[in-house]
Amino acid sequence: MIKNRAGIEADVHGWNWGALMFNWVWGIGNKTYLPLIALIPGFGLIWAIICGAMGNKWAWQNSEYGDYETFQAVQKTWNLAGIVQFIIAVVTFVFVILLWGSLLALVFGNSNY
C-alpha cells in the first residue's frame, strides 16, 4: 500500500500504457517529473519502459487525487490512449518495414538493369 499526499493508501502497482507511450507528457499531467528523463537522446526507450512499470506508483505519490476511484478513472483514460498509440505505432512500424522490403526487392530483385 502506498500513500499519496492526502494520506490515502492504495495498491497502485501495475503497468501504465499512458506512461509508456506518452512518458514526459503523462509525467507533466500527473505532476511526476522523472519521465522528463525520456527526453535525453539515446535513453528515451529504456526510460519509457521504466515509466510504464513505475507510472502508477509515481502518479499516486505525486498527484493530489481525492480518492482511489478518481485516480483509477484518470489512469484508465491514460491507459486507453497509450494502448491505442501503441497499436498505431506497431501497425506503422510493420507498414514501414513492408514498404522498405518491397522497395528493396523492386530495386535489387530486378536483374534487367
N, C-alpha and C. Protein backbone atom coordinates (compact mmCIF):
# COMPACT_ATOMS: atom_id res chain seq x y z
N MET A 1 0.83 -1.18 0.00
CA MET A 1 0.00 0.00 0.00
C MET A 1 0.88 1.25 0.00
N ILE A 2 0.49 2.20 -0.81
CA ILE A 2 1.25 3.44 -0.95
C ILE A 2 0.32 4.60 -0.61
N LYS A 3 0.82 5.58 0.14
CA LYS A 3 0.02 6.75 0.49
C LYS A 3 0.32 7.88 -0.49
N ASN A 4 -0.72 8.66 -0.83
CA ASN A 4 -0.49 9.86 -1.61
C ASN A 4 -0.39 11.05 -0.65
N ARG A 5 -0.32 12.25 -1.18
CA ARG A 5 -0.15 13.44 -0.33
C ARG A 5 -1.31 13.63 0.63
N ALA A 6 -2.48 13.17 0.25
CA ALA A 6 -3.65 13.31 1.13
C ALA A 6 -3.67 12.23 2.21
N GLY A 7 -2.71 11.31 2.18
CA GLY A 7 -2.63 10.27 3.19
C GLY A 7 -3.49 9.06 2.89
N ILE A 8 -4.06 8.99 1.70
CA ILE A 8 -4.90 7.85 1.32
C ILE A 8 -4.00 6.73 0.82
N GLU A 9 -4.23 5.53 1.31
CA GLU A 9 -3.44 4.38 0.88
C GLU A 9 -4.12 3.67 -0.28
N ALA A 10 -3.31 3.14 -1.17
CA ALA A 10 -3.86 2.39 -2.30
C ALA A 10 -2.81 1.43 -2.83
N ASP A 11 -3.27 0.36 -3.44
CA ASP A 11 -2.39 -0.59 -4.11
C ASP A 11 -2.35 -0.19 -5.58
N VAL A 12 -1.32 0.50 -5.98
CA VAL A 12 -1.28 1.12 -7.30
C VAL A 12 -0.24 0.49 -8.23
N HIS A 13 0.18 -0.70 -7.94
CA HIS A 13 1.18 -1.34 -8.79
C HIS A 13 0.53 -1.81 -10.09
N GLY A 14 1.33 -1.91 -11.12
CA GLY A 14 0.84 -2.39 -12.40
C GLY A 14 1.37 -1.55 -13.54
N TRP A 15 1.18 -2.05 -14.72
CA TRP A 15 1.68 -1.42 -15.94
C TRP A 15 0.81 -0.24 -16.32
N ASN A 16 1.43 0.84 -16.81
CA ASN A 16 0.70 2.02 -17.24
C ASN A 16 1.09 2.34 -18.69
N TRP A 17 0.18 2.03 -19.61
CA TRP A 17 0.44 2.25 -21.04
C TRP A 17 0.58 3.73 -21.36
N GLY A 18 -0.15 4.57 -20.67
CA GLY A 18 -0.04 6.01 -20.90
C GLY A 18 1.34 6.52 -20.55
N ALA A 19 1.90 6.03 -19.44
CA ALA A 19 3.24 6.44 -19.04
C ALA A 19 4.28 5.92 -20.02
N LEU A 20 4.06 4.76 -20.59
CA LEU A 20 4.99 4.21 -21.58
C LEU A 20 4.99 5.04 -22.86
N MET A 21 3.82 5.28 -23.41
CA MET A 21 3.73 5.88 -24.74
C MET A 21 3.79 7.41 -24.73
N PHE A 22 3.34 8.03 -23.65
CA PHE A 22 3.32 9.49 -23.58
C PHE A 22 4.19 9.99 -22.43
N ASN A 23 5.28 9.29 -22.16
CA ASN A 23 6.06 9.43 -20.95
C ASN A 23 6.19 10.85 -20.40
N TRP A 24 6.82 11.77 -21.08
CA TRP A 24 7.03 13.09 -20.49
C TRP A 24 5.75 13.90 -20.44
N VAL A 25 4.86 13.74 -21.41
CA VAL A 25 3.57 14.44 -21.38
C VAL A 25 2.72 13.90 -20.23
N TRP A 26 2.69 12.58 -20.10
CA TRP A 26 1.99 11.95 -18.98
C TRP A 26 2.56 12.43 -17.65
N GLY A 27 3.88 12.53 -17.57
CA GLY A 27 4.52 12.97 -16.34
C GLY A 27 4.11 14.37 -15.93
N ILE A 28 4.09 15.29 -16.88
CA ILE A 28 3.67 16.66 -16.56
C ILE A 28 2.21 16.66 -16.13
N GLY A 29 1.37 15.90 -16.82
CA GLY A 29 -0.04 15.85 -16.46
C GLY A 29 -0.31 15.23 -15.10
N ASN A 30 0.60 14.41 -14.62
CA ASN A 30 0.43 13.75 -13.33
C ASN A 30 1.37 14.30 -12.26
N LYS A 31 1.96 15.47 -12.52
CA LYS A 31 2.88 16.12 -11.58
C LYS A 31 4.03 15.19 -11.17
N THR A 32 4.48 14.42 -12.15
CA THR A 32 5.58 13.48 -11.95
C THR A 32 6.64 13.84 -12.98
N TYR A 33 7.75 14.35 -12.54
CA TYR A 33 8.71 14.91 -13.48
C TYR A 33 9.88 14.00 -13.83
N LEU A 34 9.97 12.84 -13.23
CA LEU A 34 11.00 11.88 -13.62
C LEU A 34 10.88 11.44 -15.08
N PRO A 35 9.67 11.33 -15.66
CA PRO A 35 9.59 10.95 -17.08
C PRO A 35 10.25 11.94 -18.04
N LEU A 36 10.57 13.14 -17.57
CA LEU A 36 11.27 14.08 -18.45
C LEU A 36 12.65 13.56 -18.85
N ILE A 37 13.18 12.60 -18.10
CA ILE A 37 14.47 11.99 -18.44
C ILE A 37 14.38 11.30 -19.81
N ALA A 38 13.17 10.91 -20.22
CA ALA A 38 12.99 10.25 -21.51
C ALA A 38 13.35 11.17 -22.68
N LEU A 39 13.48 12.45 -22.43
CA LEU A 39 13.86 13.39 -23.49
C LEU A 39 15.35 13.37 -23.79
N ILE A 40 16.14 12.70 -22.96
CA ILE A 40 17.57 12.60 -23.20
C ILE A 40 17.81 11.65 -24.37
N PRO A 41 18.47 12.11 -25.42
CA PRO A 41 18.71 11.25 -26.59
C PRO A 41 19.44 9.97 -26.22
N GLY A 42 18.98 8.86 -26.79
CA GLY A 42 19.60 7.57 -26.56
C GLY A 42 19.15 6.87 -25.29
N PHE A 43 18.43 7.54 -24.46
CA PHE A 43 17.99 6.97 -23.19
C PHE A 43 16.47 6.85 -23.14
N GLY A 44 15.80 7.42 -24.13
CA GLY A 44 14.35 7.52 -24.12
C GLY A 44 13.60 6.20 -24.06
N LEU A 45 13.99 5.22 -24.86
CA LEU A 45 13.27 3.94 -24.89
C LEU A 45 13.38 3.21 -23.57
N ILE A 46 14.58 3.17 -23.02
CA ILE A 46 14.77 2.49 -21.73
C ILE A 46 13.95 3.17 -20.65
N TRP A 47 14.01 4.50 -20.62
CA TRP A 47 13.28 5.22 -19.58
C TRP A 47 11.77 5.14 -19.79
N ALA A 48 11.31 5.07 -21.04
CA ALA A 48 9.88 4.90 -21.30
C ALA A 48 9.38 3.59 -20.71
N ILE A 49 10.17 2.53 -20.83
CA ILE A 49 9.78 1.24 -20.25
C ILE A 49 9.74 1.34 -18.72
N ILE A 50 10.70 2.04 -18.14
CA ILE A 50 10.69 2.25 -16.69
C ILE A 50 9.45 3.05 -16.29
N CYS A 51 9.10 4.05 -17.08
CA CYS A 51 7.89 4.85 -16.81
C CYS A 51 6.64 3.97 -16.85
N GLY A 52 6.56 3.08 -17.81
CA GLY A 52 5.42 2.17 -17.90
C GLY A 52 5.29 1.30 -16.67
N ALA A 53 6.43 0.85 -16.14
CA ALA A 53 6.42 -0.02 -14.97
C ALA A 53 6.16 0.74 -13.68
N MET A 54 6.67 1.94 -13.56
CA MET A 54 6.58 2.70 -12.30
C MET A 54 5.51 3.79 -12.33
N GLY A 55 4.88 3.99 -13.47
CA GLY A 55 3.98 5.13 -13.66
C GLY A 55 2.86 5.26 -12.64
N ASN A 56 2.16 4.17 -12.36
CA ASN A 56 1.05 4.26 -11.41
C ASN A 56 1.53 4.69 -10.03
N LYS A 57 2.64 4.14 -9.60
CA LYS A 57 3.19 4.48 -8.29
C LYS A 57 3.56 5.96 -8.24
N TRP A 58 4.27 6.44 -9.24
CA TRP A 58 4.67 7.85 -9.27
C TRP A 58 3.47 8.77 -9.31
N ALA A 59 2.48 8.44 -10.14
CA ALA A 59 1.30 9.29 -10.26
C ALA A 59 0.53 9.36 -8.94
N TRP A 60 0.39 8.24 -8.27
CA TRP A 60 -0.34 8.22 -7.00
C TRP A 60 0.41 9.03 -5.93
N GLN A 61 1.73 8.89 -5.88
CA GLN A 61 2.51 9.58 -4.86
C GLN A 61 2.55 11.09 -5.09
N ASN A 62 2.59 11.53 -6.34
CA ASN A 62 2.83 12.94 -6.62
C ASN A 62 1.58 13.76 -6.93
N SER A 63 0.50 13.13 -7.27
CA SER A 63 -0.71 13.86 -7.59
C SER A 63 -1.63 13.91 -6.38
N GLU A 64 -2.54 14.83 -6.41
CA GLU A 64 -3.44 15.03 -5.28
C GLU A 64 -4.84 14.53 -5.61
N TYR A 65 -4.97 13.25 -5.77
CA TYR A 65 -6.28 12.66 -6.03
C TYR A 65 -7.06 12.60 -4.74
N GLY A 66 -8.34 12.92 -4.82
CA GLY A 66 -9.18 12.91 -3.64
C GLY A 66 -9.50 11.51 -3.16
N ASP A 67 -9.56 10.58 -4.09
CA ASP A 67 -9.84 9.19 -3.72
C ASP A 67 -9.25 8.26 -4.78
N TYR A 68 -9.21 7.00 -4.45
CA TYR A 68 -8.60 6.00 -5.33
C TYR A 68 -9.41 5.80 -6.60
N GLU A 69 -10.73 5.95 -6.53
CA GLU A 69 -11.57 5.75 -7.70
C GLU A 69 -11.29 6.83 -8.76
N THR A 70 -11.06 8.06 -8.33
CA THR A 70 -10.71 9.12 -9.27
C THR A 70 -9.37 8.83 -9.92
N PHE A 71 -8.42 8.39 -9.11
CA PHE A 71 -7.10 8.01 -9.63
C PHE A 71 -7.25 6.93 -10.70
N GLN A 72 -8.02 5.89 -10.40
CA GLN A 72 -8.22 4.80 -11.36
C GLN A 72 -8.86 5.31 -12.65
N ALA A 73 -9.85 6.18 -12.54
CA ALA A 73 -10.53 6.70 -13.73
C ALA A 73 -9.58 7.50 -14.61
N VAL A 74 -8.75 8.33 -13.98
CA VAL A 74 -7.80 9.14 -14.75
C VAL A 74 -6.77 8.24 -15.43
N GLN A 75 -6.22 7.29 -14.69
CA GLN A 75 -5.20 6.41 -15.26
C GLN A 75 -5.80 5.46 -16.30
N LYS A 76 -7.08 5.11 -16.16
CA LYS A 76 -7.73 4.28 -17.17
C LYS A 76 -7.78 5.02 -18.51
N THR A 77 -8.04 6.32 -18.45
CA THR A 77 -8.04 7.13 -19.68
C THR A 77 -6.65 7.18 -20.29
N TRP A 78 -5.63 7.39 -19.46
CA TRP A 78 -4.25 7.38 -19.97
C TRP A 78 -3.88 6.02 -20.54
N ASN A 79 -4.30 4.95 -19.88
CA ASN A 79 -4.01 3.60 -20.36
C ASN A 79 -4.65 3.34 -21.72
N LEU A 80 -5.90 3.74 -21.87
CA LEU A 80 -6.59 3.54 -23.15
C LEU A 80 -5.88 4.31 -24.27
N ALA A 81 -5.53 5.56 -24.00
CA ALA A 81 -4.81 6.35 -25.01
C ALA A 81 -3.46 5.72 -25.32
N GLY A 82 -2.78 5.21 -24.31
CA GLY A 82 -1.48 4.57 -24.52
C GLY A 82 -1.58 3.30 -25.33
N ILE A 83 -2.61 2.49 -25.08
CA ILE A 83 -2.81 1.26 -25.86
C ILE A 83 -3.10 1.59 -27.31
N VAL A 84 -3.96 2.58 -27.55
CA VAL A 84 -4.27 2.99 -28.93
C VAL A 84 -3.01 3.47 -29.62
N GLN A 85 -2.21 4.29 -28.94
CA GLN A 85 -0.97 4.79 -29.52
C GLN A 85 0.02 3.65 -29.78
N PHE A 86 0.08 2.67 -28.89
CA PHE A 86 0.97 1.53 -29.08
C PHE A 86 0.56 0.73 -30.32
N ILE A 87 -0.73 0.49 -30.48
CA ILE A 87 -1.22 -0.25 -31.65
C ILE A 87 -0.91 0.52 -32.93
N ILE A 88 -1.13 1.83 -32.92
CA ILE A 88 -0.81 2.65 -34.09
C ILE A 88 0.68 2.57 -34.40
N ALA A 89 1.52 2.61 -33.37
CA ALA A 89 2.97 2.55 -33.58
C ALA A 89 3.39 1.21 -34.16
N VAL A 90 2.81 0.10 -33.67
CA VAL A 90 3.17 -1.23 -34.19
C VAL A 90 2.71 -1.37 -35.64
N VAL A 91 1.49 -0.95 -35.94
CA VAL A 91 0.98 -1.04 -37.31
C VAL A 91 1.83 -0.19 -38.24
N THR A 92 2.20 1.01 -37.82
CA THR A 92 3.04 1.88 -38.63
C THR A 92 4.42 1.25 -38.85
N PHE A 93 4.99 0.67 -37.81
CA PHE A 93 6.29 0.03 -37.93
C PHE A 93 6.24 -1.12 -38.93
N VAL A 94 5.22 -1.96 -38.84
CA VAL A 94 5.08 -3.09 -39.76
C VAL A 94 4.89 -2.57 -41.19
N PHE A 95 4.08 -1.54 -41.36
CA PHE A 95 3.86 -0.96 -42.68
C PHE A 95 5.17 -0.43 -43.27
N VAL A 96 5.96 0.27 -42.49
CA VAL A 96 7.23 0.82 -42.97
C VAL A 96 8.20 -0.30 -43.34
N ILE A 97 8.27 -1.35 -42.54
CA ILE A 97 9.15 -2.48 -42.85
C ILE A 97 8.71 -3.13 -44.16
N LEU A 98 7.42 -3.35 -44.33
CA LEU A 98 6.92 -3.94 -45.58
C LEU A 98 7.17 -3.02 -46.77
N LEU A 99 7.00 -1.74 -46.58
CA LEU A 99 7.25 -0.78 -47.66
C LEU A 99 8.71 -0.80 -48.07
N TRP A 100 9.63 -0.73 -47.09
CA TRP A 100 11.05 -0.77 -47.40
C TRP A 100 11.46 -2.10 -48.01
N GLY A 101 10.90 -3.19 -47.51
CA GLY A 101 11.19 -4.50 -48.09
C GLY A 101 10.74 -4.58 -49.53
N SER A 102 9.57 -4.05 -49.82
CA SER A 102 9.06 -4.05 -51.19
C SER A 102 9.93 -3.19 -52.09
N LEU A 103 10.33 -2.02 -51.61
CA LEU A 103 11.18 -1.14 -52.42
C LEU A 103 12.54 -1.77 -52.68
N LEU A 104 13.13 -2.38 -51.67
CA LEU A 104 14.42 -3.04 -51.87
C LEU A 104 14.31 -4.23 -52.82
N ALA A 105 13.24 -4.98 -52.72
CA ALA A 105 13.03 -6.11 -53.64
C ALA A 105 12.84 -5.61 -55.06
N LEU A 106 12.15 -4.49 -55.19
CA LEU A 106 11.93 -3.92 -56.53
C LEU A 106 13.24 -3.44 -57.13
N VAL A 107 14.06 -2.78 -56.36
CA VAL A 107 15.32 -2.22 -56.86
C VAL A 107 16.36 -3.32 -57.10
N PHE A 108 16.56 -4.18 -56.11
CA PHE A 108 17.64 -5.17 -56.20
C PHE A 108 17.18 -6.51 -56.76
N GLY A 109 15.92 -6.74 -56.85
CA GLY A 109 15.41 -8.01 -57.37
C GLY A 109 15.30 -8.02 -58.87
N ASN A 110 15.37 -6.87 -59.49
CA ASN A 110 15.25 -6.78 -60.95
C ASN A 110 16.63 -6.92 -61.57
N SER A 111 16.86 -7.97 -62.34
CA SER A 111 18.18 -8.19 -62.96
C SER A 111 18.28 -7.54 -64.34
N ASN A 112 17.28 -6.81 -64.76
CA ASN A 112 17.29 -6.16 -66.08
C ASN A 112 17.68 -4.69 -65.95
N TYR A 113 18.89 -4.43 -65.53
CA TYR A 113 19.34 -3.03 -65.40
C TYR A 113 19.54 -2.45 -66.74
